Amino acid sequence: MNSYNELTEEEAHYYGFLSMESFFRWQSTLEPSHVVVTYEEEEEEGEVFRSTSCLYTDGDGGVMEFKNWCEIFEEFGMKIALRGCTYCDIEFGEMEDIAAILEGNAIEDIGNKFIKDEA
């Protein structure tokens, strides 16, 4: 990984890009855009862990990655990282929309966890 935390080809595929070229075209359209991916994995105890990630571009080369789990706040916060750039612009409304998607999936997971704990 380089100093700018560039997206790898495997990560680009995870977000639905067929190639790095298609990812580079997407981040250079001069139109803000985001891609949301939810991944579910069954753990050993039979619980389902859901991870939601969002890749956002400002359309001018700036890319941010959002994840609905972070080390400090766990499922009650989100992790934000610049990917392959030194800055990225975002409108307040777009940031709120992305946060609502990530929070909604995290709250659903928390609710399911509490239901299982009570059973």
N, C-alpha and C. Protein backbone atom coordinates (compact mmCIF):
# COMPACT_ATOMS: atom_id res chain seq x y z
N MET A 1 0.85 -1.17 0.00
CA MET A 1 0.00 0.00 0.00
C MET A 1 0.89 1.23 0.00
N ASN A 2 0.57 2.20 -0.83
CA ASN A 2 1.40 3.38 -0.87
C ASN A 2 0.95 4.40 0.17
N SER A 3 1.61 5.55 0.19
CA SER A 3 1.34 6.55 1.21
C SER A 3 -0.04 7.19 1.06
N TYR A 4 -0.66 7.06 -0.11
CA TYR A 4 -1.99 7.66 -0.30
C TYR A 4 -3.11 6.65 -0.18
N ASN A 5 -2.82 5.43 0.27
CA ASN A 5 -3.86 4.43 0.52
C ASN A 5 -4.72 4.19 -0.72
N GLU A 6 -4.07 3.95 -1.85
CA GLU A 6 -4.79 3.73 -3.10
C GLU A 6 -5.63 2.47 -3.04
N LEU A 7 -6.75 2.49 -3.74
CA LEU A 7 -7.63 1.34 -3.85
C LEU A 7 -6.92 0.27 -4.66
N THR A 8 -6.98 -0.97 -4.20
CA THR A 8 -6.39 -2.08 -4.94
C THR A 8 -7.39 -2.57 -5.98
N GLU A 9 -6.93 -3.39 -6.89
CA GLU A 9 -7.82 -3.94 -7.91
C GLU A 9 -8.88 -4.84 -7.25
N GLU A 10 -8.49 -5.59 -6.25
CA GLU A 10 -9.44 -6.45 -5.53
C GLU A 10 -10.54 -5.60 -4.86
N GLU A 11 -10.15 -4.50 -4.26
CA GLU A 11 -11.13 -3.61 -3.63
C GLU A 11 -12.04 -2.97 -4.67
N ALA A 12 -11.49 -2.60 -5.81
CA ALA A 12 -12.30 -2.03 -6.89
C ALA A 12 -13.35 -3.04 -7.34
N HIS A 13 -12.98 -4.29 -7.45
CA HIS A 13 -13.93 -5.34 -7.82
C HIS A 13 -15.00 -5.50 -6.75
N TYR A 14 -14.61 -5.40 -5.47
CA TYR A 14 -15.55 -5.50 -4.36
C TYR A 14 -16.67 -4.45 -4.51
N TYR A 15 -16.31 -3.26 -4.97
CA TYR A 15 -17.28 -2.17 -5.16
C TYR A 15 -17.98 -2.24 -6.51
N GLY A 16 -17.72 -3.27 -7.30
CA GLY A 16 -18.45 -3.48 -8.54
C GLY A 16 -17.79 -2.95 -9.80
N PHE A 17 -16.56 -2.48 -9.69
CA PHE A 17 -15.85 -2.00 -10.87
C PHE A 17 -15.19 -3.18 -11.57
N LEU A 18 -15.33 -3.25 -12.87
CA LEU A 18 -14.78 -4.38 -13.63
C LEU A 18 -13.27 -4.30 -13.77
N SER A 19 -12.73 -3.09 -13.68
CA SER A 19 -11.29 -2.90 -13.83
C SER A 19 -10.87 -1.62 -13.13
N MET A 20 -9.59 -1.44 -12.96
CA MET A 20 -9.08 -0.20 -12.39
C MET A 20 -9.38 0.96 -13.33
N GLU A 21 -9.37 0.70 -14.63
CA GLU A 21 -9.67 1.75 -15.60
C GLU A 21 -11.10 2.28 -15.40
N SER A 22 -12.06 1.35 -15.17
CA SER A 22 -13.44 1.81 -14.96
C SER A 22 -13.56 2.58 -13.64
N PHE A 23 -12.80 2.18 -12.62
CA PHE A 23 -12.77 2.93 -11.36
C PHE A 23 -12.21 4.34 -11.59
N PHE A 24 -11.10 4.46 -12.33
CA PHE A 24 -10.49 5.77 -12.59
C PHE A 24 -11.43 6.67 -13.39
N ARG A 25 -12.15 6.08 -14.35
CA ARG A 25 -13.13 6.87 -15.11
C ARG A 25 -14.23 7.38 -14.19
N TRP A 26 -14.72 6.52 -13.29
CA TRP A 26 -15.78 6.89 -12.35
C TRP A 26 -15.36 8.05 -11.46
N GLN A 27 -14.13 8.04 -10.98
CA GLN A 27 -13.69 9.09 -10.06
C GLN A 27 -13.33 10.39 -10.79
N SER A 28 -13.42 10.39 -12.11
CA SER A 28 -13.04 11.58 -12.88
C SER A 28 -14.17 12.12 -13.75
N THR A 29 -15.42 11.85 -13.37
CA THR A 29 -16.58 12.28 -14.19
C THR A 29 -17.00 13.72 -13.96
N LEU A 30 -16.43 14.37 -12.96
CA LEU A 30 -16.83 15.71 -12.52
C LEU A 30 -18.26 15.73 -11.97
N GLU A 31 -18.76 14.55 -11.57
CA GLU A 31 -20.07 14.41 -10.93
C GLU A 31 -19.89 13.59 -9.65
N PRO A 32 -20.34 14.12 -8.51
CA PRO A 32 -20.27 13.32 -7.28
C PRO A 32 -21.10 12.04 -7.42
N SER A 33 -20.63 10.97 -6.80
CA SER A 33 -21.31 9.69 -6.90
C SER A 33 -20.86 8.80 -5.74
N HIS A 34 -21.71 7.83 -5.37
CA HIS A 34 -21.27 6.86 -4.38
C HIS A 34 -21.83 5.48 -4.69
N VAL A 35 -21.10 4.47 -4.20
CA VAL A 35 -21.45 3.07 -4.38
C VAL A 35 -21.51 2.45 -2.99
N VAL A 36 -22.60 1.74 -2.68
CA VAL A 36 -22.76 1.11 -1.37
C VAL A 36 -22.76 -0.41 -1.56
N VAL A 37 -22.01 -1.10 -0.70
CA VAL A 37 -21.94 -2.56 -0.73
C VAL A 37 -22.20 -3.07 0.68
N THR A 38 -23.09 -4.04 0.80
CA THR A 38 -23.34 -4.71 2.08
C THR A 38 -22.91 -6.15 1.94
N TYR A 39 -22.08 -6.57 2.86
CA TYR A 39 -21.53 -7.93 2.84
C TYR A 39 -21.97 -8.64 4.11
N GLU A 40 -22.54 -9.81 3.98
CA GLU A 40 -22.96 -10.59 5.13
C GLU A 40 -22.12 -11.85 5.24
N GLU A 41 -21.74 -12.17 6.47
CA GLU A 41 -20.93 -13.36 6.72
C GLU A 41 -21.44 -14.03 7.99
N GLU A 42 -21.65 -15.34 7.92
CA GLU A 42 -22.10 -16.07 9.10
C GLU A 42 -20.89 -16.45 9.94
N GLU A 43 -20.97 -16.13 11.22
CA GLU A 43 -19.88 -16.44 12.13
C GLU A 43 -20.09 -17.82 12.75
N GLU A 44 -19.12 -18.27 13.52
CA GLU A 44 -19.14 -19.62 14.08
C GLU A 44 -20.36 -19.89 14.95
N GLU A 45 -20.80 -18.91 15.73
CA GLU A 45 -21.93 -19.11 16.63
C GLU A 45 -23.27 -19.02 15.90
N GLY A 46 -23.24 -18.91 14.59
CA GLY A 46 -24.47 -18.82 13.80
C GLY A 46 -24.99 -17.40 13.64
N GLU A 47 -24.31 -16.43 14.25
CA GLU A 47 -24.72 -15.05 14.11
C GLU A 47 -24.25 -14.53 12.75
N VAL A 48 -25.04 -13.62 12.19
CA VAL A 48 -24.68 -13.04 10.90
C VAL A 48 -24.07 -11.67 11.15
N PHE A 49 -22.88 -11.46 10.64
CA PHE A 49 -22.22 -10.16 10.73
C PHE A 49 -22.42 -9.44 9.41
N ARG A 50 -22.92 -8.23 9.45
CA ARG A 50 -23.13 -7.44 8.25
C ARG A 50 -22.18 -6.24 8.26
N SER A 51 -21.47 -6.08 7.18
CA SER A 51 -20.57 -4.95 7.01
C SER A 51 -21.05 -4.13 5.82
N THR A 52 -21.28 -2.86 6.04
CA THR A 52 -21.68 -1.98 4.94
C THR A 52 -20.58 -0.98 4.70
N SER A 53 -20.20 -0.85 3.44
CA SER A 53 -19.15 0.08 3.04
C SER A 53 -19.68 0.96 1.92
N CYS A 54 -19.15 2.16 1.85
CA CYS A 54 -19.55 3.09 0.81
C CYS A 54 -18.29 3.73 0.24
N LEU A 55 -18.19 3.73 -1.07
CA LEU A 55 -17.10 4.41 -1.75
C LEU A 55 -17.70 5.64 -2.42
N TYR A 56 -17.17 6.80 -2.12
CA TYR A 56 -17.69 8.07 -2.61
C TYR A 56 -16.61 8.79 -3.42
N THR A 57 -17.01 9.44 -4.50
CA THR A 57 -16.10 10.32 -5.23
C THR A 57 -16.73 11.69 -5.40
N ASP A 58 -15.90 12.70 -5.35
CA ASP A 58 -16.39 14.05 -5.64
C ASP A 58 -16.38 14.32 -7.15
N GLY A 59 -15.91 13.34 -7.92
CA GLY A 59 -15.89 13.44 -9.38
C GLY A 59 -14.67 14.15 -9.93
N ASP A 60 -13.81 14.62 -9.04
CA ASP A 60 -12.61 15.35 -9.46
C ASP A 60 -11.36 14.69 -8.89
N GLY A 61 -11.40 13.36 -8.78
CA GLY A 61 -10.25 12.61 -8.30
C GLY A 61 -10.26 12.30 -6.82
N GLY A 62 -11.11 12.97 -6.05
CA GLY A 62 -11.19 12.71 -4.62
C GLY A 62 -12.06 11.50 -4.34
N VAL A 63 -11.57 10.60 -3.47
CA VAL A 63 -12.32 9.38 -3.13
C VAL A 63 -12.24 9.16 -1.62
N MET A 64 -13.41 8.90 -1.01
CA MET A 64 -13.48 8.56 0.41
C MET A 64 -14.17 7.21 0.56
N GLU A 65 -13.72 6.45 1.53
CA GLU A 65 -14.35 5.18 1.85
C GLU A 65 -14.94 5.28 3.26
N PHE A 66 -16.20 4.89 3.37
CA PHE A 66 -16.92 4.90 4.64
C PHE A 66 -17.23 3.46 5.02
N LYS A 67 -17.09 3.12 6.30
CA LYS A 67 -17.45 1.78 6.78
C LYS A 67 -18.26 1.92 8.05
N ASN A 68 -19.28 1.05 8.22
CA ASN A 68 -20.16 1.20 9.37
C ASN A 68 -19.67 0.48 10.62
N TRP A 69 -18.40 0.36 10.76
CA TRP A 69 -17.81 -0.18 11.98
C TRP A 69 -16.45 0.47 12.12
N CYS A 70 -16.12 0.89 13.33
CA CYS A 70 -14.80 1.47 13.55
C CYS A 70 -14.26 0.99 14.89
N GLU A 71 -12.97 1.07 15.04
CA GLU A 71 -12.30 0.53 16.22
C GLU A 71 -12.74 1.23 17.50
N ILE A 72 -12.87 2.52 17.49
CA ILE A 72 -13.20 3.26 18.70
C ILE A 72 -14.67 3.11 19.09
N PHE A 73 -15.58 3.33 18.13
CA PHE A 73 -17.01 3.35 18.44
C PHE A 73 -17.74 2.07 18.04
N GLU A 74 -17.01 1.12 17.46
CA GLU A 74 -17.55 -0.16 16.97
C GLU A 74 -18.76 0.10 16.07
N GLU A 75 -19.91 -0.55 16.34
CA GLU A 75 -21.07 -0.39 15.46
C GLU A 75 -21.81 0.92 15.67
N PHE A 76 -21.37 1.76 16.64
CA PHE A 76 -22.03 3.04 16.91
C PHE A 76 -21.35 4.21 16.21
N GLY A 77 -20.41 3.92 15.32
CA GLY A 77 -19.70 4.97 14.59
C GLY A 77 -19.34 4.50 13.20
N MET A 78 -18.57 5.31 12.50
CA MET A 78 -18.13 4.92 11.17
C MET A 78 -16.68 5.31 10.98
N LYS A 79 -16.02 4.58 10.09
CA LYS A 79 -14.64 4.86 9.74
C LYS A 79 -14.64 5.56 8.38
N ILE A 80 -13.88 6.62 8.26
CA ILE A 80 -13.77 7.36 7.00
C ILE A 80 -12.29 7.43 6.64
N ALA A 81 -11.98 7.07 5.39
CA ALA A 81 -10.59 7.12 4.94
C ALA A 81 -10.52 7.70 3.53
N LEU A 82 -9.54 8.55 3.29
CA LEU A 82 -9.25 8.99 1.92
C LEU A 82 -8.58 7.84 1.20
N ARG A 83 -8.93 7.64 -0.07
CA ARG A 83 -8.35 6.55 -0.85
C ARG A 83 -7.68 7.11 -2.10
N GLY A 84 -6.37 7.06 -2.14
CA GLY A 84 -5.61 7.46 -3.32
C GLY A 84 -5.59 8.94 -3.59
N CYS A 85 -5.84 9.75 -2.58
CA CYS A 85 -5.87 11.21 -2.77
C CYS A 85 -5.47 11.89 -1.46
N THR A 86 -5.30 13.19 -1.52
CA THR A 86 -4.97 13.94 -0.31
C THR A 86 -6.14 14.78 0.19
N TYR A 87 -7.19 14.91 -0.62
CA TYR A 87 -8.40 15.59 -0.18
C TYR A 87 -9.58 15.12 -1.01
N CYS A 88 -10.79 15.35 -0.49
CA CYS A 88 -12.01 15.00 -1.20
C CYS A 88 -13.11 15.92 -0.68
N ASP A 89 -13.88 16.50 -1.59
CA ASP A 89 -14.97 17.40 -1.22
C ASP A 89 -16.29 16.63 -1.16
N ILE A 90 -17.17 17.04 -0.23
CA ILE A 90 -18.48 16.39 -0.12
C ILE A 90 -19.49 17.41 0.41
N GLU A 91 -20.70 17.35 -0.13
CA GLU A 91 -21.77 18.22 0.35
C GLU A 91 -22.29 17.67 1.68
N PHE A 92 -22.79 18.55 2.54
CA PHE A 92 -23.32 18.12 3.82
C PHE A 92 -24.45 17.09 3.63
N GLY A 93 -25.36 17.34 2.68
CA GLY A 93 -26.48 16.43 2.44
C GLY A 93 -26.03 15.04 2.02
N GLU A 94 -25.01 14.98 1.18
CA GLU A 94 -24.47 13.68 0.73
C GLU A 94 -23.86 12.93 1.92
N MET A 95 -23.14 13.66 2.77
CA MET A 95 -22.53 13.05 3.96
C MET A 95 -23.63 12.51 4.88
N GLU A 96 -24.70 13.26 5.04
CA GLU A 96 -25.82 12.81 5.87
C GLU A 96 -26.47 11.56 5.28
N ASP A 97 -26.66 11.53 3.96
CA ASP A 97 -27.27 10.37 3.30
C ASP A 97 -26.43 9.11 3.50
N ILE A 98 -25.12 9.24 3.33
CA ILE A 98 -24.22 8.09 3.51
C ILE A 98 -24.24 7.64 4.96
N ALA A 99 -24.18 8.60 5.90
CA ALA A 99 -24.21 8.25 7.32
C ALA A 99 -25.51 7.54 7.68
N ALA A 100 -26.64 7.97 7.12
CA ALA A 100 -27.93 7.35 7.40
C ALA A 100 -27.97 5.90 6.90
N ILE A 101 -27.40 5.65 5.72
CA ILE A 101 -27.35 4.28 5.19
C ILE A 101 -26.51 3.40 6.10
N LEU A 102 -25.33 3.87 6.47
CA LEU A 102 -24.44 3.08 7.32
C LEU A 102 -25.05 2.88 8.70
N GLU A 103 -25.62 3.93 9.27
CA GLU A 103 -26.22 3.83 10.60
C GLU A 103 -27.44 2.91 10.58
N GLY A 104 -28.25 2.98 9.54
CA GLY A 104 -29.42 2.12 9.43
C GLY A 104 -29.05 0.66 9.44
N ASN A 105 -28.02 0.28 8.72
CA ASN A 105 -27.58 -1.12 8.71
C ASN A 105 -26.97 -1.52 10.04
N ALA A 106 -26.24 -0.60 10.68
CA ALA A 106 -25.64 -0.91 11.98
C ALA A 106 -26.73 -1.07 13.02
N ILE A 107 -27.74 -0.20 13.02
CA ILE A 107 -28.83 -0.29 14.00
C ILE A 107 -29.60 -1.58 13.80
N GLU A 108 -29.82 -1.98 12.55
CA GLU A 108 -30.51 -3.25 12.29
C GLU A 108 -29.71 -4.41 12.88
N ASP A 109 -28.40 -4.39 12.73
CA ASP A 109 -27.56 -5.43 13.31
C ASP A 109 -27.64 -5.42 14.83
N ILE A 110 -27.60 -4.23 15.43
CA ILE A 110 -27.67 -4.11 16.89
C ILE A 110 -29.01 -4.66 17.38
N GLY A 111 -30.09 -4.29 16.70
CA GLY A 111 -31.42 -4.78 17.06
C GLY A 111 -31.50 -6.29 16.99
N ASN A 112 -30.96 -6.88 15.94
CA ASN A 112 -30.96 -8.34 15.80
C ASN A 112 -30.14 -8.98 16.91
N LYS A 113 -29.03 -8.36 17.29
CA LYS A 113 -28.17 -8.89 18.36
C LYS A 113 -28.94 -8.90 19.67
N PHE A 114 -29.65 -7.79 19.98
CA PHE A 114 -30.40 -7.72 21.22
C PHE A 114 -31.53 -8.74 21.24
N ILE A 115 -32.19 -8.95 20.13
CA ILE A 115 -33.28 -9.94 20.05
C ILE A 115 -32.72 -11.33 20.34
N LYS A 116 -31.56 -11.66 19.75
CA LYS A 116 -30.95 -12.98 19.98
C LYS A 116 -30.52 -13.13 21.43
N ASP A 117 -29.97 -12.04 22.03
CA ASP A 117 -29.52 -12.09 23.41
C ASP A 117 -30.67 -12.34 24.38
N GLU A 118 -31.86 -11.83 24.03
CA GLU A 118 -33.01 -11.97 24.91
C GLU A 118 -33.66 -13.36 24.79
N ALA A 119 -33.42 -14.03 23.69
CA ALA A 119 -34.06 -15.34 23.44
C ALA A 119 -33.46 -16.43 24.29
